Amino acid sequence: MAMRNLSYNSSKNPYLLQQVNSAGPEKLISLLYDIGSKSCRAKDRQKAAKVLVELIAALNFEYKEIATEFFDLYRYALDEVNKGGFENALRVFEELNDVWKSAVMKNPSNMN
């Protein structure tokens, strides 16, 4: 998964750019959740929406049931961002990030 068109200050932050370029797919999802949370706290509709569009694009619908559940959550958060409901979208990002980190990122092989 590549984070296309999601330059969250990457031109100003070479460390972030390096982190994204060297990250595996599991770490990229975690980074997207972090960037989405920061964007919601800053009430940055454009960046929060870009994160959600990227997360939707990354879904693998070969696993229809789980992908559909994530799609519904991401779509809800995107609708909230578009309405200015940053608190609700932030809650989605933070809860998904907590679950993601505890379920996926605790495996040392996923930390790349």
PDB file of N, CA and C in Angstrom:
ATOM      1  N   MET A   1       0.848  -1.174   0.000  1.00  0.00           N
ATOM      2  CA  MET A   1       0.000   0.000   0.000  1.00  0.00           C
ATOM      3  C   MET A   1       0.889   1.231   0.000  1.00  0.00           C
ATOM      4  N   ALA A   2       0.616   2.120  -0.877  1.00  0.00           N
ATOM      5  CA  ALA A   2       1.366   3.374  -0.915  1.00  0.00           C
ATOM      6  C   ALA A   2       0.437   4.498  -0.515  1.00  0.00           C
ATOM      7  N   MET A   3       0.980   5.452   0.201  1.00  0.00           N
ATOM      8  CA  MET A   3       0.154   6.594   0.587  1.00  0.00           C
ATOM      9  C   MET A   3       0.290   7.640  -0.514  1.00  0.00           C
ATOM     10  N   ARG A   4      -0.570   7.553  -1.469  1.00  0.00           N
ATOM     11  CA  ARG A   4      -0.514   8.476  -2.597  1.00  0.00           C
ATOM     12  C   ARG A   4      -1.212   9.779  -2.238  1.00  0.00           C
ATOM     13  N   ASN A   5      -0.625  10.853  -2.642  1.00  0.00           N
ATOM     14  CA  ASN A   5      -1.233  12.180  -2.454  1.00  0.00           C
ATOM     15  C   ASN A   5      -1.563  12.509  -1.006  1.00  0.00           C
ATOM     16  N   LEU A   6      -0.842  11.943  -0.066  1.00  0.00           N
ATOM     17  CA  LEU A   6      -1.148  12.214   1.337  1.00  0.00           C
ATOM     18  C   LEU A   6       0.027  12.929   1.985  1.00  0.00           C
ATOM     19  N   SER A   7       0.529  13.919   1.345  1.00  0.00           N
ATOM     20  CA  SER A   7       1.706  14.596   1.872  1.00  0.00           C
ATOM     21  C   SER A   7       1.345  15.413   3.091  1.00  0.00           C
ATOM     22  N   TYR A   8       1.306  14.750   4.243  1.00  0.00           N
ATOM     23  CA  TYR A   8       1.016  15.420   5.513  1.00  0.00           C
ATOM     24  C   TYR A   8       2.316  16.045   5.995  1.00  0.00           C
ATOM     25  N   ASN A   9       2.655  17.210   5.437  1.00  0.00           N
ATOM     26  CA  ASN A   9       3.898  17.911   5.736  1.00  0.00           C
ATOM     27  C   ASN A   9       5.129  17.078   5.435  1.00  0.00           C
ATOM     28  N   SER A  10       5.032  16.093   4.519  1.00  0.00           N
ATOM     29  CA  SER A  10       6.190  15.252   4.236  1.00  0.00           C
ATOM     30  C   SER A  10       7.316  16.051   3.578  1.00  0.00           C
ATOM     31  N   SER A  11       6.976  17.099   2.828  1.00  0.00           N
ATOM     32  CA  SER A  11       8.025  17.904   2.227  1.00  0.00           C
ATOM     33  C   SER A  11       8.767  18.711   3.289  1.00  0.00           C
ATOM     34  N   LYS A  12       8.106  18.987   4.406  1.00  0.00           N
ATOM     35  CA  LYS A  12       8.723  19.737   5.496  1.00  0.00           C
ATOM     36  C   LYS A  12       9.284  18.808   6.559  1.00  0.00           C
ATOM     37  N   ASN A  13       8.963  17.523   6.484  1.00  0.00           N
ATOM     38  CA  ASN A  13       9.362  16.581   7.509  1.00  0.00           C
ATOM     39  C   ASN A  13       9.999  15.355   6.861  1.00  0.00           C
ATOM     40  N   PRO A  14      11.299  15.419   6.588  1.00  0.00           N
ATOM     41  CA  PRO A  14      11.952  14.281   5.941  1.00  0.00           C
ATOM     42  C   PRO A  14      11.916  13.012   6.791  1.00  0.00           C
ATOM     43  N   TYR A  15      11.846  13.155   8.113  1.00  0.00           N
ATOM     44  CA  TYR A  15      11.745  11.982   8.982  1.00  0.00           C
ATOM     45  C   TYR A  15      10.444  11.233   8.708  1.00  0.00           C
ATOM     46  N   LEU A  16       9.341  11.964   8.586  1.00  0.00           N
ATOM     47  CA  LEU A  16       8.063  11.337   8.290  1.00  0.00           C
ATOM     48  C   LEU A  16       8.101  10.661   6.927  1.00  0.00           C
ATOM     49  N   LEU A  17       8.674  11.319   5.947  1.00  0.00           N
ATOM     50  CA  LEU A  17       8.781  10.748   4.611  1.00  0.00           C
ATOM     51  C   LEU A  17       9.581   9.447   4.651  1.00  0.00           C
ATOM     52  N   GLN A  18      10.684   9.429   5.359  1.00  0.00           N
ATOM     53  CA  GLN A  18      11.501   8.220   5.502  1.00  0.00           C
ATOM     54  C   GLN A  18      10.718   7.126   6.226  1.00  0.00           C
ATOM     55  N   GLN A  19       9.982   7.507   7.252  1.00  0.00           N
ATOM     56  CA  GLN A  19       9.185   6.554   8.021  1.00  0.00           C
ATOM     57  C   GLN A  19       8.132   5.897   7.124  1.00  0.00           C
ATOM     58  N   VAL A  20       7.480   6.677   6.297  1.00  0.00           N
ATOM     59  CA  VAL A  20       6.456   6.156   5.392  1.00  0.00           C
ATOM     60  C   VAL A  20       7.084   5.251   4.339  1.00  0.00           C
ATOM     61  N   ASN A  21       8.196   5.686   3.765  1.00  0.00           N
ATOM     62  CA  ASN A  21       8.830   4.915   2.700  1.00  0.00           C
ATOM     63  C   ASN A  21       9.373   3.577   3.173  1.00  0.00           C
ATOM     64  N   SER A  22       9.734   3.469   4.442  1.00  0.00           N
ATOM     65  CA  SER A  22      10.321   2.228   4.940  1.00  0.00           C
ATOM     66  C   SER A  22       9.321   1.364   5.715  1.00  0.00           C
ATOM     67  N   ALA A  23       8.102   1.812   5.835  1.00  0.00           N
ATOM     68  CA  ALA A  23       7.108   1.092   6.644  1.00  0.00           C
ATOM     69  C   ALA A  23       6.442  -0.027   5.852  1.00  0.00           C
ATOM     70  N   GLY A  24       6.130  -1.101   6.561  1.00  0.00           N
ATOM     71  CA  GLY A  24       5.334  -2.172   5.989  1.00  0.00           C
ATOM     72  C   GLY A  24       3.870  -1.791   6.022  1.00  0.00           C
ATOM     73  N   PRO A  25       3.005  -2.596   5.410  1.00  0.00           N
ATOM     74  CA  PRO A  25       1.576  -2.256   5.350  1.00  0.00           C
ATOM     75  C   PRO A  25       0.930  -2.089   6.722  1.00  0.00           C
ATOM     76  N   GLU A  26       1.329  -2.904   7.687  1.00  0.00           N
ATOM     77  CA  GLU A  26       0.736  -2.812   9.023  1.00  0.00           C
ATOM     78  C   GLU A  26       1.076  -1.484   9.681  1.00  0.00           C
ATOM     79  N   LYS A  27       2.318  -1.065   9.532  1.00  0.00           N
ATOM     80  CA  LYS A  27       2.760   0.204  10.108  1.00  0.00           C
ATOM     81  C   LYS A  27       2.109   1.384   9.377  1.00  0.00           C
ATOM     82  N   LEU A  28       1.916   1.247   8.067  1.00  0.00           N
ATOM     83  CA  LEU A  28       1.278   2.333   7.314  1.00  0.00           C
ATOM     84  C   LEU A  28      -0.148   2.590   7.801  1.00  0.00           C
ATOM     85  N   ILE A  29      -0.877   1.518   8.110  1.00  0.00           N
ATOM     86  CA  ILE A  29      -2.237   1.689   8.631  1.00  0.00           C
ATOM     87  C   ILE A  29      -2.175   2.468   9.947  1.00  0.00           C
ATOM     88  N   SER A  30      -1.240   2.091  10.814  1.00  0.00           N
ATOM     89  CA  SER A  30      -1.090   2.786  12.094  1.00  0.00           C
ATOM     90  C   SER A  30      -0.733   4.259  11.869  1.00  0.00           C
ATOM     91  N   LEU A  31       0.161   4.529  10.929  1.00  0.00           N
ATOM     92  CA  LEU A  31       0.523   5.919  10.612  1.00  0.00           C
ATOM     93  C   LEU A  31      -0.698   6.692  10.101  1.00  0.00           C
ATOM     94  N   LEU A  32      -1.495   6.054   9.264  1.00  0.00           N
ATOM     95  CA  LEU A  32      -2.698   6.725   8.755  1.00  0.00           C
ATOM     96  C   LEU A  32      -3.662   7.053   9.885  1.00  0.00           C
ATOM     97  N   TYR A  33      -3.842   6.116  10.816  1.00  0.00           N
ATOM     98  CA  TYR A  33      -4.707   6.403  11.959  1.00  0.00           C
ATOM     99  C   TYR A  33      -4.153   7.578  12.773  1.00  0.00           C
ATOM    100  N   ASP A  34      -2.827   7.619  12.964  1.00  0.00           N
ATOM    101  CA  ASP A  34      -2.213   8.725  13.708  1.00  0.00           C
ATOM    102  C   ASP A  34      -2.419  10.060  12.983  1.00  0.00           C
ATOM    103  N   ILE A  35      -2.187  10.057  11.687  1.00  0.00           N
ATOM    104  CA  ILE A  35      -2.347  11.290  10.896  1.00  0.00           C
ATOM    105  C   ILE A  35      -3.819  11.712  10.886  1.00  0.00           C
ATOM    106  N   GLY A  36      -4.720  10.751  10.778  1.00  0.00           N
ATOM    107  CA  GLY A  36      -6.145  11.060  10.810  1.00  0.00           C
ATOM    108  C   GLY A  36      -6.553  11.681  12.128  1.00  0.00           C
ATOM    109  N   SER A  37      -6.029  11.130  13.228  1.00  0.00           N
ATOM    110  CA  SER A  37      -6.331  11.690  14.555  1.00  0.00           C
ATOM    111  C   SER A  37      -5.823  13.119  14.671  1.00  0.00           C
ATOM    112  N   LYS A  38      -4.590  13.338  14.241  1.00  0.00           N
ATOM    113  CA  LYS A  38      -4.009  14.686  14.305  1.00  0.00           C
ATOM    114  C   LYS A  38      -4.805  15.664  13.442  1.00  0.00           C
ATOM    115  N   SER A  39      -5.233  15.202  12.283  1.00  0.00           N
ATOM    116  CA  SER A  39      -6.011  16.060  11.385  1.00  0.00           C
ATOM    117  C   SER A  39      -7.354  16.425  12.004  1.00  0.00           C
ATOM    118  N   CYS A  40      -7.980  15.470  12.670  1.00  0.00           N
ATOM    119  CA  CYS A  40      -9.268  15.757  13.329  1.00  0.00           C
ATOM    120  C   CYS A  40      -9.075  16.733  14.484  1.00  0.00           C
ATOM    121  N   ARG A  41      -8.015  16.546  15.269  1.00  0.00           N
ATOM    122  CA  ARG A  41      -7.762  17.488  16.370  1.00  0.00           C
ATOM    123  C   ARG A  41      -7.525  18.895  15.852  1.00  0.00           C
ATOM    124  N   ALA A  42      -6.879  18.994  14.685  1.00  0.00           N
ATOM    125  CA  ALA A  42      -6.602  20.300  14.077  1.00  0.00           C
ATOM    126  C   ALA A  42      -7.796  20.814  13.264  1.00  0.00           C
ATOM    127  N   LYS A  43      -8.857  19.995  13.192  1.00  0.00           N
ATOM    128  CA  LYS A  43     -10.041  20.322  12.406  1.00  0.00           C
ATOM    129  C   LYS A  43      -9.675  20.609  10.944  1.00  0.00           C
ATOM    130  N   ASP A  44      -8.756  19.783  10.434  1.00  0.00           N
ATOM    131  CA  ASP A  44      -8.297  19.895   9.050  1.00  0.00           C
ATOM    132  C   ASP A  44      -9.097  18.903   8.206  1.00  0.00           C
ATOM    133  N   ARG A  45     -10.169  19.395   7.648  1.00  0.00           N
ATOM    134  CA  ARG A  45     -11.107  18.559   6.888  1.00  0.00           C
ATOM    135  C   ARG A  45     -10.427  17.891   5.699  1.00  0.00           C
ATOM    136  N   GLN A  46      -9.609  18.629   4.976  1.00  0.00           N
ATOM    137  CA  GLN A  46      -8.980  18.097   3.766  1.00  0.00           C
ATOM    138  C   GLN A  46      -8.057  16.920   4.081  1.00  0.00           C
ATOM    139  N   LYS A  47      -7.206  17.067   5.070  1.00  0.00           N
ATOM    140  CA  LYS A  47      -6.258  15.992   5.394  1.00  0.00           C
ATOM    141  C   LYS A  47      -6.950  14.795   6.021  1.00  0.00           C
ATOM    142  N   ALA A  48      -7.917  15.037   6.888  1.00  0.00           N
ATOM    143  CA  ALA A  48      -8.656  13.923   7.493  1.00  0.00           C
ATOM    144  C   ALA A  48      -9.392  13.137   6.408  1.00  0.00           C
ATOM    145  N   ALA A  49      -9.982  13.842   5.460  1.00  0.00           N
ATOM    146  CA  ALA A  49     -10.687  13.170   4.363  1.00  0.00           C
ATOM    147  C   ALA A  49      -9.718  12.377   3.495  1.00  0.00           C
ATOM    148  N   LYS A  50      -8.545  12.924   3.229  1.00  0.00           N
ATOM    149  CA  LYS A  50      -7.539  12.202   2.429  1.00  0.00           C
ATOM    150  C   LYS A  50      -7.125  10.903   3.111  1.00  0.00           C
ATOM    151  N   VAL A  51      -6.964  10.955   4.427  1.00  0.00           N
ATOM    152  CA  VAL A  51      -6.605   9.747   5.170  1.00  0.00           C
ATOM    153  C   VAL A  51      -7.703   8.704   5.014  1.00  0.00           C
ATOM    154  N   LEU A  52      -8.934   9.115   5.181  1.00  0.00           N
ATOM    155  CA  LEU A  52     -10.044   8.168   5.090  1.00  0.00           C
ATOM    156  C   LEU A  52     -10.190   7.596   3.684  1.00  0.00           C
ATOM    157  N   VAL A  53      -9.996   8.409   2.679  1.00  0.00           N
ATOM    158  CA  VAL A  53     -10.035   7.919   1.297  1.00  0.00           C
ATOM    159  C   VAL A  53      -8.913   6.900   1.081  1.00  0.00           C
ATOM    160  N   GLU A  54      -7.752   7.159   1.619  1.00  0.00           N
ATOM    161  CA  GLU A  54      -6.625   6.228   1.506  1.00  0.00           C
ATOM    162  C   GLU A  54      -6.936   4.910   2.217  1.00  0.00           C
ATOM    163  N   LEU A  55      -7.522   4.989   3.397  1.00  0.00           N
ATOM    164  CA  LEU A  55      -7.883   3.775   4.132  1.00  0.00           C
ATOM    165  C   LEU A  55      -8.930   2.964   3.370  1.00  0.00           C
ATOM    166  N   ILE A  56      -9.892   3.639   2.775  1.00  0.00           N
ATOM    167  CA  ILE A  56     -10.906   2.948   1.969  1.00  0.00           C
ATOM    168  C   ILE A  56     -10.253   2.272   0.770  1.00  0.00           C
ATOM    169  N   ALA A  57      -9.339   2.973   0.114  1.00  0.00           N
ATOM    170  CA  ALA A  57      -8.663   2.410  -1.062  1.00  0.00           C
ATOM    171  C   ALA A  57      -7.808   1.193  -0.712  1.00  0.00           C
ATOM    172  N   ALA A  58      -7.361   1.109   0.530  1.00  0.00           N
ATOM    173  CA  ALA A  58      -6.499   0.004   0.951  1.00  0.00           C
ATOM    174  C   ALA A  58      -7.279  -1.257   1.312  1.00  0.00           C
ATOM    175  N   LEU A  59      -8.583  -1.161   1.406  1.00  0.00           N
ATOM    176  CA  LEU A  59      -9.384  -2.321   1.805  1.00  0.00           C
ATOM    177  C   LEU A  59      -9.310  -3.426   0.751  1.00  0.00           C
ATOM    178  N   ASN A  60      -9.228  -4.658   1.224  1.00  0.00           N
ATOM    179  CA  ASN A  60      -9.183  -5.823   0.351  1.00  0.00           C
ATOM    180  C   ASN A  60     -10.540  -6.521   0.425  1.00  0.00           C
ATOM    181  N   PHE A  61     -11.339  -6.348  -0.610  1.00  0.00           N
ATOM    182  CA  PHE A  61     -12.689  -6.896  -0.597  1.00  0.00           C
ATOM    183  C   PHE A  61     -12.740  -8.373  -0.956  1.00  0.00           C
ATOM    184  N   GLU A  62     -11.578  -9.003  -1.080  1.00  0.00           N
ATOM    185  CA  GLU A  62     -11.558 -10.465  -1.154  1.00  0.00           C
ATOM    186  C   GLU A  62     -12.012 -11.033   0.190  1.00  0.00           C
ATOM    187  N   TYR A  63     -11.826 -10.241   1.240  1.00  0.00           N
ATOM    188  CA  TYR A  63     -12.307 -10.575   2.581  1.00  0.00           C
ATOM    189  C   TYR A  63     -13.510  -9.677   2.857  1.00  0.00           C
ATOM    190  N   LYS A  64     -14.598  -9.990   2.155  1.00  0.00           N
ATOM    191  CA  LYS A  64     -15.745  -9.100   2.056  1.00  0.00           C
ATOM    192  C   LYS A  64     -16.327  -8.681   3.403  1.00  0.00           C
ATOM    193  N   GLU A  65     -16.514  -9.626   4.312  1.00  0.00           N
ATOM    194  CA  GLU A  65     -17.198  -9.311   5.569  1.00  0.00           C
ATOM    195  C   GLU A  65     -16.432  -8.267   6.387  1.00  0.00           C
ATOM    196  N   ILE A  66     -15.153  -8.514   6.608  1.00  0.00           N
ATOM    197  CA  ILE A  66     -14.357  -7.572   7.420  1.00  0.00           C
ATOM    198  C   ILE A  66     -14.118  -6.271   6.666  1.00  0.00           C
ATOM    199  N   ALA A  67     -13.869  -6.356   5.354  1.00  0.00           N
ATOM    200  CA  ALA A  67     -13.644  -5.141   4.564  1.00  0.00           C
ATOM    201  C   ALA A  67     -14.884  -4.259   4.570  1.00  0.00           C
ATOM    202  N   THR A  68     -16.054  -4.873   4.509  1.00  0.00           N
ATOM    203  CA  THR A  68     -17.307  -4.114   4.524  1.00  0.00           C
ATOM    204  C   THR A  68     -17.492  -3.395   5.860  1.00  0.00           C
ATOM    205  N   GLU A  69     -17.134  -4.067   6.953  1.00  0.00           N
ATOM    206  CA  GLU A  69     -17.242  -3.430   8.265  1.00  0.00           C
ATOM    207  C   GLU A  69     -16.308  -2.222   8.374  1.00  0.00           C
ATOM    208  N   PHE A  70     -15.062  -2.386   7.904  1.00  0.00           N
ATOM    209  CA  PHE A  70     -14.135  -1.250   7.921  1.00  0.00           C
ATOM    210  C   PHE A  70     -14.623  -0.153   6.989  1.00  0.00           C
ATOM    211  N   PHE A  71     -15.130  -0.527   5.813  1.00  0.00           N
ATOM    212  CA  PHE A  71     -15.649   0.467   4.876  1.00  0.00           C
ATOM    213  C   PHE A  71     -16.745   1.299   5.536  1.00  0.00           C
ATOM    214  N   ASP A  72     -17.661   0.623   6.231  1.00  0.00           N
ATOM    215  CA  ASP A  72     -18.752   1.340   6.891  1.00  0.00           C
ATOM    216  C   ASP A  72     -18.229   2.320   7.949  1.00  0.00           C
ATOM    217  N   LEU A  73     -17.224   1.898   8.730  1.00  0.00           N
ATOM    218  CA  LEU A  73     -16.635   2.800   9.727  1.00  0.00           C
ATOM    219  C   LEU A  73     -15.929   3.984   9.075  1.00  0.00           C
ATOM    220  N   TYR A  74     -15.132   3.702   8.043  1.00  0.00           N
ATOM    221  CA  TYR A  74     -14.414   4.777   7.355  1.00  0.00           C
ATOM    222  C   TYR A  74     -15.395   5.741   6.686  1.00  0.00           C
ATOM    223  N   ARG A  75     -16.444   5.199   6.087  1.00  0.00           N
ATOM    224  CA  ARG A  75     -17.440   6.042   5.426  1.00  0.00           C
ATOM    225  C   ARG A  75     -18.163   6.924   6.440  1.00  0.00           C
ATOM    226  N   TYR A  76     -18.505   6.342   7.591  1.00  0.00           N
ATOM    227  CA  TYR A  76     -19.134   7.121   8.660  1.00  0.00           C
ATOM    228  C   TYR A  76     -18.202   8.266   9.084  1.00  0.00           C
ATOM    229  N   ALA A  77     -16.927   7.943   9.311  1.00  0.00           N
ATOM    230  CA  ALA A  77     -15.971   8.966   9.738  1.00  0.00           C
ATOM    231  C   ALA A  77     -15.814  10.038   8.657  1.00  0.00           C
ATOM    232  N   LEU A  78     -15.793   9.631   7.398  1.00  0.00           N
ATOM    233  CA  LEU A  78     -15.676  10.596   6.295  1.00  0.00           C
ATOM    234  C   LEU A  78     -16.896  11.509   6.247  1.00  0.00           C
ATOM    235  N   ASP A  79     -18.074  10.936   6.429  1.00  0.00           N
ATOM    236  CA  ASP A  79     -19.293  11.761   6.474  1.00  0.00           C
ATOM    237  C   ASP A  79     -19.225  12.754   7.634  1.00  0.00           C
ATOM    238  N   GLU A  80     -18.743  12.292   8.790  1.00  0.00           N
ATOM    239  CA  GLU A  80     -18.614  13.176   9.951  1.00  0.00           C
ATOM    240  C   GLU A  80     -17.618  14.303   9.681  1.00  0.00           C
ATOM    241  N   VAL A  81     -16.481  13.976   9.091  1.00  0.00           N
ATOM    242  CA  VAL A  81     -15.482  14.998   8.760  1.00  0.00           C
ATOM    243  C   VAL A  81     -16.088  16.026   7.816  1.00  0.00           C
ATOM    244  N   ASN A  82     -16.795  15.546   6.810  1.00  0.00           N
ATOM    245  CA  ASN A  82     -17.396  16.468   5.838  1.00  0.00           C
ATOM    246  C   ASN A  82     -18.458  17.364   6.462  1.00  0.00           C
ATOM    247  N   LYS A  83     -19.094  16.907   7.547  1.00  0.00           N
ATOM    248  CA  LYS A  83     -20.085  17.714   8.261  1.00  0.00           C
ATOM    249  C   LYS A  83     -19.448  18.563   9.370  1.00  0.00           C
ATOM    250  N   GLY A  84     -18.141  18.387   9.577  1.00  0.00           N
ATOM    251  CA  GLY A  84     -17.487  19.108  10.660  1.00  0.00           C
ATOM    252  C   GLY A  84     -17.573  18.388  11.994  1.00  0.00           C
ATOM    253  N   GLY A  85     -17.972  17.131  11.984  1.00  0.00           N
ATOM    254  CA  GLY A  85     -18.079  16.334  13.210  1.00  0.00           C
ATOM    255  C   GLY A  85     -16.762  15.665  13.558  1.00  0.00           C
ATOM    256  N   PHE A  86     -15.762  16.501  13.793  1.00  0.00           N
ATOM    257  CA  PHE A  86     -14.412  15.980  14.009  1.00  0.00           C
ATOM    258  C   PHE A  86     -14.298  15.106  15.257  1.00  0.00           C
ATOM    259  N   GLU A  87     -15.095  15.390  16.269  1.00  0.00           N
ATOM    260  CA  GLU A  87     -15.012  14.600  17.503  1.00  0.00           C
ATOM    261  C   GLU A  87     -15.403  13.154  17.245  1.00  0.00           C
ATOM    262  N   ASN A  88     -16.451  12.938  16.450  1.00  0.00           N
ATOM    263  CA  ASN A  88     -16.891  11.583  16.128  1.00  0.00           C
ATOM    264  C   ASN A  88     -15.865  10.861  15.260  1.00  0.00           C
ATOM    265  N   ALA A  89     -15.314  11.561  14.283  1.00  0.00           N
ATOM    266  CA  ALA A  89     -14.294  10.954  13.429  1.00  0.00           C
ATOM    267  C   ALA A  89     -13.035  10.648  14.242  1.00  0.00           C
ATOM    268  N   LEU A  90     -12.673  11.544  15.139  1.00  0.00           N
ATOM    269  CA  LEU A  90     -11.511  11.321  16.000  1.00  0.00           C
ATOM    270  C   LEU A  90     -11.710  10.067  16.849  1.00  0.00           C
ATOM    271  N   ARG A  91     -12.890   9.889  17.368  1.00  0.00           N
ATOM    272  CA  ARG A  91     -13.186   8.702  18.171  1.00  0.00           C
ATOM    273  C   ARG A  91     -12.976   7.428  17.345  1.00  0.00           C
ATOM    274  N   VAL A  92     -13.414   7.449  16.087  1.00  0.00           N
ATOM    275  CA  VAL A  92     -13.229   6.293  15.201  1.00  0.00           C
ATOM    276  C   VAL A  92     -11.738   6.024  15.000  1.00  0.00           C
ATOM    277  N   PHE A  93     -10.983   7.069  14.666  1.00  0.00           N
ATOM    278  CA  PHE A  93      -9.539   6.902  14.457  1.00  0.00           C
ATOM    279  C   PHE A  93      -8.860   6.354  15.703  1.00  0.00           C
ATOM    280  N   GLU A  94      -9.163   6.933  16.852  1.00  0.00           N
ATOM    281  CA  GLU A  94      -8.476   6.530  18.083  1.00  0.00           C
ATOM    282  C   GLU A  94      -8.834   5.104  18.489  1.00  0.00           C
ATOM    283  N   GLU A  95     -10.099   4.744  18.381  1.00  0.00           N
ATOM    284  CA  GLU A  95     -10.499   3.392  18.768  1.00  0.00           C
ATOM    285  C   GLU A  95      -9.926   2.356  17.812  1.00  0.00           C
ATOM    286  N   LEU A  96      -9.954   2.642  16.511  1.00  0.00           N
ATOM    287  CA  LEU A  96      -9.359   1.711  15.558  1.00  0.00           C
ATOM    288  C   LEU A  96      -7.852   1.598  15.758  1.00  0.00           C
ATOM    289  N   ASN A  97      -7.210   2.716  16.047  1.00  0.00           N
ATOM    290  CA  ASN A  97      -5.767   2.697  16.265  1.00  0.00           C
ATOM    291  C   ASN A  97      -5.416   1.871  17.504  1.00  0.00           C
ATOM    292  N   ASP A  98      -6.177   2.017  18.568  1.00  0.00           N
ATOM    293  CA  ASP A  98      -5.928   1.224  19.779  1.00  0.00           C
ATOM    294  C   ASP A  98      -6.061  -0.267  19.486  1.00  0.00           C
ATOM    295  N   VAL A  99      -7.128  -0.632  18.796  1.00  0.00           N
ATOM    296  CA  VAL A  99      -7.341  -2.045  18.465  1.00  0.00           C
ATOM    297  C   VAL A  99      -6.249  -2.537  17.530  1.00  0.00           C
ATOM    298  N   TRP A 100      -5.914  -1.723  16.532  1.00  0.00           N
ATOM    299  CA  TRP A 100      -4.886  -2.099  15.550  1.00  0.00           C
ATOM    300  C   TRP A 100      -3.542  -2.327  16.240  1.00  0.00           C
ATOM    301  N   LYS A 101      -3.171  -1.418  17.110  1.00  0.00           N
ATOM    302  CA  LYS A 101      -1.882  -1.548  17.791  1.00  0.00           C
ATOM    303  C   LYS A 101      -1.848  -2.759  18.714  1.00  0.00           C
ATOM    304  N   SER A 102      -2.948  -3.042  19.382  1.00  0.00           N
ATOM    305  CA  SER A 102      -2.938  -4.178  20.297  1.00  0.00           C
ATOM    306  C   SER A 102      -3.051  -5.505  19.555  1.00  0.00           C
ATOM    307  N   ALA A 103      -3.764  -5.537  18.432  1.00  0.00           N
ATOM    308  CA  ALA A 103      -3.968  -6.791  17.715  1.00  0.00           C
ATOM    309  C   ALA A 103      -2.885  -7.083  16.682  1.00  0.00           C
ATOM    310  N   VAL A 104      -2.415  -6.061  15.987  1.00  0.00           N
ATOM    311  CA  VAL A 104      -1.502  -6.278  14.869  1.00  0.00           C
ATOM    312  C   VAL A 104      -0.086  -5.826  15.190  1.00  0.00           C
ATOM    313  N   MET A 105       0.045  -4.647  15.766  1.00  0.00           N
ATOM    314  CA  MET A 105       1.375  -4.063  15.936  1.00  0.00           C
ATOM    315  C   MET A 105       2.157  -4.671  17.100  1.00  0.00           C
ATOM    316  N   LYS A 106       1.517  -5.449  17.971  1.00  0.00           N
ATOM    317  CA  LYS A 106       2.264  -6.053  19.072  1.00  0.00           C
ATOM    318  C   LYS A 106       3.176  -7.165  18.580  1.00  0.00           C
ATOM    319  N   ASN A 107       2.959  -7.629  17.352  1.00  0.00           N
ATOM    320  CA  ASN A 107       3.818  -8.633  16.735  1.00  0.00           C
ATOM    321  C   ASN A 107       5.067  -7.919  16.214  1.00  0.00           C
ATOM    322  N   PRO A 108       6.270  -8.239  16.732  1.00  0.00           N
ATOM    323  CA  PRO A 108       7.492  -7.526  16.341  1.00  0.00           C
ATOM    324  C   PRO A 108       7.770  -7.562  14.856  1.00  0.00           C
ATOM    325  N   SER A 109       7.297  -8.573  14.136  1.00  0.00           N
ATOM    326  CA  SER A 109       7.544  -8.639  12.689  1.00  0.00           C
ATOM    327  C   SER A 109       6.754  -7.605  11.920  1.00  0.00           C
ATOM    328  N   ASN A 110       5.760  -6.974  12.552  1.00  0.00           N
ATOM    329  CA  ASN A 110       4.935  -5.955  11.904  1.00  0.00           C
ATOM    330  C   ASN A 110       5.421  -4.540  12.168  1.00  0.00           C
ATOM    331  N   MET A 111       6.492  -4.380  12.890  1.00  0.00           N
ATOM    332  CA  MET A 111       6.944  -3.048  13.285  1.00  0.00           C
ATOM    333  C   MET A 111       7.743  -2.329  12.196  1.00  0.00           C
ATOM    334  N   ASN A 112       7.987  -2.939  11.061  1.00  0.00           N
ATOM    335  CA  ASN A 112       8.758  -2.293   9.982  1.00  0.00           C
ATOM    336  C   ASN A 112       8.009  -1.168   9.368  1.00  0.00           C
TER     337      ASN A 112
END
